């Protein structure tokens, strides 16, 4: 069990590949010789990355434009991968959107779209692609989650809930699929220096965050892919963040809730 070897008919499907961790996961896998299918909403960025990976590594890099929050888009994307004649050996669930601030201050449809992108799409793609990996007795699934999923987070309520679901789902699949030779790893970083922070309106919080807690997109990507190769279940980049994860998992919720409220109110 581990990361399957690259093969001409195989590919790695990477969601959220237009930027951030998704783009770095695609680069890391291509550097190891894997063909890639780059999936995200921003076609122009995907085409630029595809050209970069073809030139740098000589791999096949396909572009599929998809809004993961839409079920019809997900179905069309999977149909396009099948049309290309590729078998997905590696599924990298990297796409994600965030939402910070009081839950009641956001339009309900924004929260629902976030849940669809962050978790529903993960379950949908996994259910479509994992059975073939089980049949082949070979495959790998990477999940990009967050340390925010370790417990309830006021000021980040819906996002943290989606990441708790992703982490739980990934860890359960790790146990279920291990006997079939399919590797499953979930990466649970703390703050990451990517566009995500600006989109989720976390600029002020990021400026106050010590550098030792902040991971780069490349660190997350490389540690996650290596985690698959090593058969690891959970990867938490940065030693200080791992310590916070241990504490966060054992602090009573009544105390953790107070701490998080102060962090996001400051």
C-alpha atoms as a PDB file:
ATOM      1  CA  UNK A   1       0.000   0.000   0.000  1.00  0.00           C
ATOM      2  CA  UNK A   2       1.167   3.520  -0.793  1.00  0.00           C
ATOM      3  CA  UNK A   3       1.317   5.909  -3.690  1.00  0.00           C
ATOM      4  CA  UNK A   4       0.828   3.947  -6.930  1.00  0.00           C
ATOM      5  CA  UNK A   5       3.622   4.085  -9.484  1.00  0.00           C
ATOM      6  CA  UNK A   6       2.991   6.351 -12.485  1.00  0.00           C
ATOM      7  CA  UNK A   7       1.659   4.586 -15.576  1.00  0.00           C
ATOM      8  CA  UNK A   8       0.610   5.804 -19.056  1.00  0.00           C
ATOM      9  CA  UNK A   9      -3.086   5.012 -18.611  1.00  0.00           C
ATOM     10  CA  UNK A  10      -3.237   6.351 -15.065  1.00  0.00           C
ATOM     11  CA  UNK A  11      -3.675   9.852 -13.762  1.00  0.00           C
ATOM     12  CA  UNK A  12      -3.986  11.921 -10.614  1.00  0.00           C
ATOM     13  CA  UNK A  13      -7.162  13.983 -10.368  1.00  0.00           C
ATOM     14  CA  UNK A  14      -6.407  17.153  -8.392  1.00  0.00           C
ATOM     15  CA  UNK A  15      -9.243  19.434  -7.336  1.00  0.00           C
ATOM     16  CA  UNK A  16      -8.639  23.073  -6.516  1.00  0.00           C
ATOM     17  CA  UNK A  17      -5.615  22.954  -8.807  1.00  0.00           C
ATOM     18  CA  UNK A  18      -5.794  26.574  -9.970  1.00  0.00           C
ATOM     19  CA  UNK A  19      -3.975  27.887  -6.879  1.00  0.00           C
ATOM     20  CA  UNK A  20      -2.690  27.195  -3.373  1.00  0.00           C
ATOM     21  CA  UNK A  21      -2.267  23.682  -2.069  1.00  0.00           C
ATOM     22  CA  UNK A  22      -4.051  22.131  -5.044  1.00  0.00           C
ATOM     23  CA  UNK A  23      -1.601  23.645  -7.496  1.00  0.00           C
ATOM     24  CA  UNK A  24       1.360  22.509  -5.398  1.00  0.00           C
ATOM     25  CA  UNK A  25      -0.047  18.977  -5.076  1.00  0.00           C
ATOM     26  CA  UNK A  26      -0.293  18.839  -8.874  1.00  0.00           C
ATOM     27  CA  UNK A  27       3.322  20.008  -9.173  1.00  0.00           C
ATOM     28  CA  UNK A  28       4.494  17.472  -6.590  1.00  0.00           C
ATOM     29  CA  UNK A  29       2.726  14.558  -8.284  1.00  0.00           C
ATOM     30  CA  UNK A  30       3.886  15.602 -11.767  1.00  0.00           C
ATOM     31  CA  UNK A  31       7.465  15.812 -10.497  1.00  0.00           C
ATOM     32  CA  UNK A  32       7.085  12.154  -9.485  1.00  0.00           C
ATOM     33  CA  UNK A  33       6.002  11.294 -13.032  1.00  0.00           C
ATOM     34  CA  UNK A  34       2.227  11.176 -12.603  1.00  0.00           C
ATOM     35  CA  UNK A  35      -0.106  12.391 -15.306  1.00  0.00           C
ATOM     36  CA  UNK A  36      -2.560  14.902 -13.899  1.00  0.00           C
ATOM     37  CA  UNK A  37      -6.096  16.091 -14.452  1.00  0.00           C
ATOM     38  CA  UNK A  38      -6.369  19.644 -13.151  1.00  0.00           C
ATOM     39  CA  UNK A  39      -9.837  20.525 -11.931  1.00  0.00           C
ATOM     40  CA  UNK A  40     -11.074  23.932 -10.771  1.00  0.00           C
ATOM     41  CA  UNK A  41     -13.223  26.848 -11.917  1.00  0.00           C
ATOM     42  CA  UNK A  42     -10.509  29.120 -13.368  1.00  0.00           C
ATOM     43  CA  UNK A  43      -9.695  27.728 -16.799  1.00  0.00           C
ATOM     44  CA  UNK A  44      -6.960  30.246 -17.589  1.00  0.00           C
ATOM     45  CA  UNK A  45      -4.933  29.380 -14.514  1.00  0.00           C
ATOM     46  CA  UNK A  46      -5.414  25.659 -15.123  1.00  0.00           C
ATOM     47  CA  UNK A  47      -4.125  26.009 -18.694  1.00  0.00           C
ATOM     48  CA  UNK A  48      -1.044  27.870 -17.446  1.00  0.00           C
ATOM     49  CA  UNK A  49      -0.291  25.173 -14.879  1.00  0.00           C
ATOM     50  CA  UNK A  50      -0.892  22.381 -17.404  1.00  0.00           C
ATOM     51  CA  UNK A  51       1.618  23.947 -19.799  1.00  0.00           C
ATOM     52  CA  UNK A  52       4.129  24.340 -16.975  1.00  0.00           C
ATOM     53  CA  UNK A  53       3.834  20.681 -15.938  1.00  0.00           C
ATOM     54  CA  UNK A  54       4.058  19.352 -19.485  1.00  0.00           C
ATOM     55  CA  UNK A  55       7.185  21.397 -20.114  1.00  0.00           C
ATOM     56  CA  UNK A  56       8.881  20.638 -16.797  1.00  0.00           C
ATOM     57  CA  UNK A  57       8.064  16.952 -16.417  1.00  0.00           C
ATOM     58  CA  UNK A  58       6.797  15.630 -19.755  1.00  0.00           C
ATOM     59  CA  UNK A  59       3.570  14.350 -18.220  1.00  0.00           C
ATOM     60  CA  UNK A  60       0.095  14.423 -19.679  1.00  0.00           C
ATOM     61  CA  UNK A  61      -1.781  17.314 -18.075  1.00  0.00           C
ATOM     62  CA  UNK A  62      -5.486  17.667 -18.837  1.00  0.00           C
ATOM     63  CA  UNK A  63      -7.681  20.593 -17.827  1.00  0.00           C
ATOM     64  CA  UNK A  64     -11.273  20.172 -16.668  1.00  0.00           C
ATOM     65  CA  UNK A  65     -13.230  23.262 -15.638  1.00  0.00           C
ATOM     66  CA  UNK A  66     -15.666  22.488 -12.840  1.00  0.00           C
ATOM     67  CA  UNK A  67     -17.605  24.210 -10.085  1.00  0.00           C
ATOM     68  CA  UNK A  68     -17.444  21.546  -7.389  1.00  0.00           C
ATOM     69  CA  UNK A  69     -20.432  22.981  -5.562  1.00  0.00           C
ATOM     70  CA  UNK A  70     -22.646  21.908  -8.484  1.00  0.00           C
ATOM     71  CA  UNK A  71     -23.558  18.228  -8.783  1.00  0.00           C
ATOM     72  CA  UNK A  72     -24.050  18.493 -12.544  1.00  0.00           C
ATOM     73  CA  UNK A  73     -20.572  19.979 -12.964  1.00  0.00           C
ATOM     74  CA  UNK A  74     -19.047  17.153 -10.954  1.00  0.00           C
ATOM     75  CA  UNK A  75     -20.806  14.547 -13.070  1.00  0.00           C
ATOM     76  CA  UNK A  76     -19.657  16.262 -16.282  1.00  0.00           C
ATOM     77  CA  UNK A  77     -16.063  16.402 -15.001  1.00  0.00           C
ATOM     78  CA  UNK A  78     -16.030  12.689 -14.226  1.00  0.00           C
ATOM     79  CA  UNK A  79     -17.490  11.961 -17.660  1.00  0.00           C
ATOM     80  CA  UNK A  80     -14.714  14.024 -19.262  1.00  0.00           C
ATOM     81  CA  UNK A  81     -12.026  12.036 -17.421  1.00  0.00           C
ATOM     82  CA  UNK A  82     -13.624   8.826 -18.698  1.00  0.00           C
ATOM     83  CA  UNK A  83     -13.791  10.246 -22.222  1.00  0.00           C
ATOM     84  CA  UNK A  84     -10.056  10.951 -22.065  1.00  0.00           C
ATOM     85  CA  UNK A  85      -9.497   7.231 -21.431  1.00  0.00           C
ATOM     86  CA  UNK A  86      -7.755   7.768 -18.108  1.00  0.00           C
ATOM     87  CA  UNK A  87      -7.990   5.729 -14.915  1.00  0.00           C
ATOM     88  CA  UNK A  88      -7.703   7.759 -11.730  1.00  0.00           C
ATOM     89  CA  UNK A  89      -4.961   6.199  -9.600  1.00  0.00           C
ATOM     90  CA  UNK A  90      -4.727   9.188  -7.242  1.00  0.00           C
ATOM     91  CA  UNK A  91      -7.565  11.422  -6.102  1.00  0.00           C
ATOM     92  CA  UNK A  92      -6.393  14.621  -4.403  1.00  0.00           C
ATOM     93  CA  UNK A  93      -9.267  16.477  -2.745  1.00  0.00           C
ATOM     94  CA  UNK A  94      -7.675  19.912  -2.351  1.00  0.00           C
ATOM     95  CA  UNK A  95     -10.475  22.337  -3.209  1.00  0.00           C
ATOM     96  CA  UNK A  96     -11.966  24.334  -0.383  1.00  0.00           C
ATOM     97  CA  UNK A  97     -13.591  27.644   0.437  1.00  0.00           C
ATOM     98  CA  UNK A  98     -13.820  29.418   3.770  1.00  0.00           C
ATOM     99  CA  UNK A  99     -16.122  31.698   5.686  1.00  0.00           C
ATOM    100  CA  UNK A 100     -15.240  33.618   8.821  1.00  0.00           C
ATOM    101  CA  UNK A 101     -17.219  35.832  11.152  1.00  0.00           C
ATOM    102  CA  UNK A 102     -20.622  35.285  12.798  1.00  0.00           C
ATOM    103  CA  UNK A 103     -22.580  32.589  11.012  1.00  0.00           C
ATOM    104  CA  UNK A 104     -25.780  34.633  11.074  1.00  0.00           C
ATOM    105  CA  UNK A 105     -24.093  37.483   9.195  1.00  0.00           C
ATOM    106  CA  UNK A 106     -23.641  35.431   6.008  1.00  0.00           C
ATOM    107  CA  UNK A 107     -26.272  34.588   3.389  1.00  0.00           C
ATOM    108  CA  UNK A 108     -27.485  31.035   3.870  1.00  0.00           C
ATOM    109  CA  UNK A 109     -26.778  30.118   0.247  1.00  0.00           C
ATOM    110  CA  UNK A 110     -23.096  30.965   0.731  1.00  0.00           C
ATOM    111  CA  UNK A 111     -22.841  28.538   3.633  1.00  0.00           C
ATOM    112  CA  UNK A 112     -24.635  25.819   1.679  1.00  0.00           C
ATOM    113  CA  UNK A 113     -22.286  26.256  -1.301  1.00  0.00           C
ATOM    114  CA  UNK A 114     -19.316  26.025   1.049  1.00  0.00           C
ATOM    115  CA  UNK A 115     -20.604  22.760   2.504  1.00  0.00           C
ATOM    116  CA  UNK A 116     -21.135  21.419  -1.015  1.00  0.00           C
ATOM    117  CA  UNK A 117     -17.589  22.334  -2.077  1.00  0.00           C
ATOM    118  CA  UNK A 118     -15.777  21.328   1.090  1.00  0.00           C
ATOM    119  CA  UNK A 119     -17.557  18.075   1.894  1.00  0.00           C
ATOM    120  CA  UNK A 120     -20.322  17.003  -0.475  1.00  0.00           C
ATOM    121  CA  UNK A 121     -17.957  17.103  -3.457  1.00  0.00           C
ATOM    122  CA  UNK A 122     -15.341  15.108  -1.525  1.00  0.00           C
ATOM    123  CA  UNK A 123     -17.834  12.339  -0.805  1.00  0.00           C
ATOM    124  CA  UNK A 124     -19.184  12.439  -4.361  1.00  0.00           C
ATOM    125  CA  UNK A 125     -15.803  12.136  -6.082  1.00  0.00           C
ATOM    126  CA  UNK A 126     -14.609   9.511  -3.632  1.00  0.00           C
ATOM    127  CA  UNK A 127     -17.708   7.385  -4.159  1.00  0.00           C
ATOM    128  CA  UNK A 128     -17.242   7.620  -7.927  1.00  0.00           C
ATOM    129  CA  UNK A 129     -13.520   6.787  -8.039  1.00  0.00           C
ATOM    130  CA  UNK A 130     -12.605   4.661  -5.020  1.00  0.00           C
ATOM    131  CA  UNK A 131     -14.464   1.455  -6.050  1.00  0.00           C
ATOM    132  CA  UNK A 132     -12.217   1.071  -9.127  1.00  0.00           C
ATOM    133  CA  UNK A 133      -9.134   1.523  -6.927  1.00  0.00           C
ATOM    134  CA  UNK A 134     -10.424  -1.246  -4.664  1.00  0.00           C
ATOM    135  CA  UNK A 135     -10.926  -3.486  -7.691  1.00  0.00           C
ATOM    136  CA  UNK A 136      -7.372  -2.815  -8.900  1.00  0.00           C
ATOM    137  CA  UNK A 137      -6.037  -3.227  -5.344  1.00  0.00           C
ATOM    138  CA  UNK A 138      -4.099  -0.034  -5.926  1.00  0.00           C
ATOM    139  CA  UNK A 139      -4.815   3.651  -5.453  1.00  0.00           C
ATOM    140  CA  UNK A 140      -4.432   6.651  -3.211  1.00  0.00           C
ATOM    141  CA  UNK A 141      -6.717   9.372  -1.891  1.00  0.00           C
ATOM    142  CA  UNK A 142      -5.416  12.612  -0.406  1.00  0.00           C
ATOM    143  CA  UNK A 143      -7.595  14.959   1.621  1.00  0.00           C
ATOM    144  CA  UNK A 144      -6.668  18.525   2.516  1.00  0.00           C
ATOM    145  CA  UNK A 145      -8.501  19.308   5.741  1.00  0.00           C
ATOM    146  CA  UNK A 146      -7.610  21.727   8.550  1.00  0.00           C
ATOM    147  CA  UNK A 147      -6.695  21.826  12.194  1.00  0.00           C
ATOM    148  CA  UNK A 148      -9.911  23.857  12.541  1.00  0.00           C
ATOM    149  CA  UNK A 149     -11.728  20.529  12.302  1.00  0.00           C
ATOM    150  CA  UNK A 150     -10.442  19.414  15.700  1.00  0.00           C
ATOM    151  CA  UNK A 151     -13.380  21.055  17.482  1.00  0.00           C
ATOM    152  CA  UNK A 152     -16.106  23.712  17.278  1.00  0.00           C
ATOM    153  CA  UNK A 153     -14.787  27.137  16.322  1.00  0.00           C
ATOM    154  CA  UNK A 154     -16.944  30.228  16.950  1.00  0.00           C
ATOM    155  CA  UNK A 155     -16.291  32.729  14.187  1.00  0.00           C
ATOM    156  CA  UNK A 156     -15.503  29.857  11.829  1.00  0.00           C
ATOM    157  CA  UNK A 157     -18.489  27.656  12.660  1.00  0.00           C
ATOM    158  CA  UNK A 158     -19.582  26.224   9.318  1.00  0.00           C
ATOM    159  CA  UNK A 159     -16.078  25.969   7.859  1.00  0.00           C
ATOM    160  CA  UNK A 160     -14.736  24.139  10.924  1.00  0.00           C
ATOM    161  CA  UNK A 161     -17.709  21.771  10.764  1.00  0.00           C
ATOM    162  CA  UNK A 162     -16.927  20.876   7.150  1.00  0.00           C
ATOM    163  CA  UNK A 163     -13.307  20.180   8.025  1.00  0.00           C
ATOM    164  CA  UNK A 164     -14.290  18.043  11.005  1.00  0.00           C
ATOM    165  CA  UNK A 165     -16.391  16.015   8.581  1.00  0.00           C
ATOM    166  CA  UNK A 166     -13.559  15.730   6.043  1.00  0.00           C
ATOM    167  CA  UNK A 167     -11.062  14.565   8.665  1.00  0.00           C
ATOM    168  CA  UNK A 168     -13.473  12.017  10.113  1.00  0.00           C
ATOM    169  CA  UNK A 169     -14.352  10.700   6.651  1.00  0.00           C
ATOM    170  CA  UNK A 170     -10.707  10.435   5.633  1.00  0.00           C
ATOM    171  CA  UNK A 171      -9.590   8.639   8.777  1.00  0.00           C
ATOM    172  CA  UNK A 172     -12.425   6.133   8.463  1.00  0.00           C
ATOM    173  CA  UNK A 173     -11.543   5.476   4.808  1.00  0.00           C
ATOM    174  CA  UNK A 174      -7.897   4.980   5.778  1.00  0.00           C
ATOM    175  CA  UNK A 175      -8.980   2.061   7.973  1.00  0.00           C
ATOM    176  CA  UNK A 176     -11.537   0.697   5.507  1.00  0.00           C
ATOM    177  CA  UNK A 177      -9.350   0.791   2.400  1.00  0.00           C
ATOM    178  CA  UNK A 178      -6.017  -0.268   3.849  1.00  0.00           C
ATOM    179  CA  UNK A 179      -6.769  -4.010   3.383  1.00  0.00           C
ATOM    180  CA  UNK A 180      -7.423  -3.346  -0.323  1.00  0.00           C
ATOM    181  CA  UNK A 181      -4.102  -1.646  -0.990  1.00  0.00           C
ATOM    182  CA  UNK A 182      -5.569   1.859  -1.231  1.00  0.00           C
ATOM    183  CA  UNK A 183      -3.700   4.561   0.696  1.00  0.00           C
ATOM    184  CA  UNK A 184      -5.619   7.384   2.362  1.00  0.00           C
ATOM    185  CA  UNK A 185      -3.964  10.390   4.005  1.00  0.00           C
ATOM    186  CA  UNK A 186      -5.484  13.561   5.409  1.00  0.00           C
ATOM    187  CA  UNK A 187      -3.454  16.754   5.866  1.00  0.00           C
ATOM    188  CA  UNK A 188      -4.605  18.992   8.733  1.00  0.00           C
ATOM    189  CA  UNK A 189      -2.578  22.207   8.605  1.00  0.00           C
ATOM    190  CA  UNK A 190      -2.968  25.286  10.696  1.00  0.00           C
ATOM    191  CA  UNK A 191      -2.805  28.636   8.880  1.00  0.00           C
ATOM    192  CA  UNK A 192      -1.553  28.427   5.281  1.00  0.00           C
ATOM    193  CA  UNK A 193      -0.083  31.342   3.358  1.00  0.00           C
ATOM    194  CA  UNK A 194      -2.385  31.208   0.297  1.00  0.00           C
ATOM    195  CA  UNK A 195      -5.188  33.153  -1.419  1.00  0.00           C
ATOM    196  CA  UNK A 196      -7.628  31.288   0.836  1.00  0.00           C
ATOM    197  CA  UNK A 197      -6.962  33.672   3.717  1.00  0.00           C
ATOM    198  CA  UNK A 198      -7.950  36.727   1.699  1.00  0.00           C
ATOM    199  CA  UNK A 199     -11.051  35.079   0.262  1.00  0.00           C
ATOM    200  CA  UNK A 200     -12.144  33.937   3.728  1.00  0.00           C
ATOM    201  CA  UNK A 201     -11.479  37.443   5.146  1.00  0.00           C
ATOM    202  CA  UNK A 202      -8.751  36.208   7.467  1.00  0.00           C
ATOM    203  CA  UNK A 203      -6.101  38.816   6.649  1.00  0.00           C
ATOM    204  CA  UNK A 204      -6.072  40.365  10.121  1.00  0.00           C
ATOM    205  CA  UNK A 205      -5.839  36.978  11.836  1.00  0.00           C
ATOM    206  CA  UNK A 206      -3.011  35.870   9.529  1.00  0.00           C
ATOM    207  CA  UNK A 207      -1.013  39.024  10.313  1.00  0.00           C
ATOM    208  CA  UNK A 208      -1.178  38.182  14.023  1.00  0.00           C
ATOM    209  CA  UNK A 209      -0.227  34.532  13.531  1.00  0.00           C
ATOM    210  CA  UNK A 210       3.387  33.612  14.422  1.00  0.00           C
ATOM    211  CA  UNK A 211       5.441  32.406  11.471  1.00  0.00           C
ATOM    212  CA  UNK A 212       6.186  29.099  13.193  1.00  0.00           C
ATOM    213  CA  UNK A 213       2.486  28.218  12.916  1.00  0.00           C
ATOM    214  CA  UNK A 214       2.098  29.136   9.243  1.00  0.00           C
ATOM    215  CA  UNK A 215       2.785  26.544   6.560  1.00  0.00           C
ATOM    216  CA  UNK A 216       3.362  27.184   2.885  1.00  0.00           C
ATOM    217  CA  UNK A 217       1.232  25.538   0.230  1.00  0.00           C
ATOM    218  CA  UNK A 218       4.279  23.598  -0.922  1.00  0.00           C
ATOM    219  CA  UNK A 219       4.956  22.241   2.577  1.00  0.00           C
ATOM    220  CA  UNK A 220       1.378  20.991   2.815  1.00  0.00           C
ATOM    221  CA  UNK A 221       1.492  19.441  -0.638  1.00  0.00           C
ATOM    222  CA  UNK A 222       4.839  17.696  -0.279  1.00  0.00           C
ATOM    223  CA  UNK A 223       4.092  16.379   3.198  1.00  0.00           C
ATOM    224  CA  UNK A 224       0.707  15.084   2.037  1.00  0.00           C
ATOM    225  CA  UNK A 225       2.027  13.282  -1.031  1.00  0.00           C
ATOM    226  CA  UNK A 226       4.888  11.798   0.987  1.00  0.00           C
ATOM    227  CA  UNK A 227       2.317  10.767   3.601  1.00  0.00           C
ATOM    228  CA  UNK A 228       0.498   8.764   0.931  1.00  0.00           C
ATOM    229  CA  UNK A 229       3.762   7.148  -0.126  1.00  0.00           C
ATOM    230  CA  UNK A 230       4.478   6.211   3.493  1.00  0.00           C
ATOM    231  CA  UNK A 231       0.946   4.992   4.245  1.00  0.00           C
ATOM    232  CA  UNK A 232       0.387   7.685   6.877  1.00  0.00           C
ATOM    233  CA  UNK A 233      -3.119   8.404   8.185  1.00  0.00           C
ATOM    234  CA  UNK A 234      -2.837  12.026   9.365  1.00  0.00           C
ATOM    235  CA  UNK A 235      -0.255  14.676   8.545  1.00  0.00           C
ATOM    236  CA  UNK A 236      -0.039  17.953  10.485  1.00  0.00           C
ATOM    237  CA  UNK A 237       2.687  20.196   9.038  1.00  0.00           C
ATOM    238  CA  UNK A 238       4.742  22.252  11.513  1.00  0.00           C
ATOM    239  CA  UNK A 239       5.794  20.965  14.930  1.00  0.00           C
ATOM    240  CA  UNK A 240       4.095  23.802  16.802  1.00  0.00           C
ATOM    241  CA  UNK A 241       0.814  23.140  15.029  1.00  0.00           C
ATOM    242  CA  UNK A 242       1.009  19.433  15.879  1.00  0.00           C
ATOM    243  CA  UNK A 243       1.321  20.406  19.533  1.00  0.00           C
ATOM    244  CA  UNK A 244      -1.713  22.662  19.228  1.00  0.00           C
ATOM    245  CA  UNK A 245      -3.620  19.816  17.618  1.00  0.00           C
ATOM    246  CA  UNK A 246      -2.919  17.509  20.542  1.00  0.00           C
ATOM    247  CA  UNK A 247      -4.001  20.165  23.020  1.00  0.00           C
ATOM    248  CA  UNK A 248      -7.060  21.110  20.987  1.00  0.00           C
ATOM    249  CA  UNK A 249      -8.231  17.525  20.769  1.00  0.00           C
ATOM    250  CA  UNK A 250      -8.222  17.166  24.556  1.00  0.00           C
ATOM    251  CA  UNK A 251      -9.320  20.583  25.802  1.00  0.00           C
ATOM    252  CA  UNK A 252     -12.947  20.506  27.022  1.00  0.00           C
ATOM    253  CA  UNK A 253     -15.228  22.231  24.545  1.00  0.00           C
ATOM    254  CA  UNK A 254     -16.400  24.762  27.102  1.00  0.00           C
ATOM    255  CA  UNK A 255     -12.812  26.038  27.381  1.00  0.00           C
ATOM    256  CA  UNK A 256     -11.998  25.712  23.689  1.00  0.00           C
ATOM    257  CA  UNK A 257     -15.066  27.721  22.745  1.00  0.00           C
ATOM    258  CA  UNK A 258     -13.945  30.601  24.949  1.00  0.00           C
ATOM    259  CA  UNK A 259     -10.444  30.558  23.477  1.00  0.00           C
ATOM    260  CA  UNK A 260     -11.626  30.586  19.864  1.00  0.00           C
ATOM    261  CA  UNK A 261     -14.127  33.363  20.526  1.00  0.00           C
ATOM    262  CA  UNK A 262     -11.300  35.547  21.811  1.00  0.00           C
ATOM    263  CA  UNK A 263      -9.038  34.675  18.864  1.00  0.00           C
ATOM    264  CA  UNK A 264     -11.603  35.687  16.268  1.00  0.00           C
ATOM    265  CA  UNK A 265     -12.820  38.725  18.202  1.00  0.00           C
ATOM    266  CA  UNK A 266      -9.331  40.182  18.640  1.00  0.00           C
END
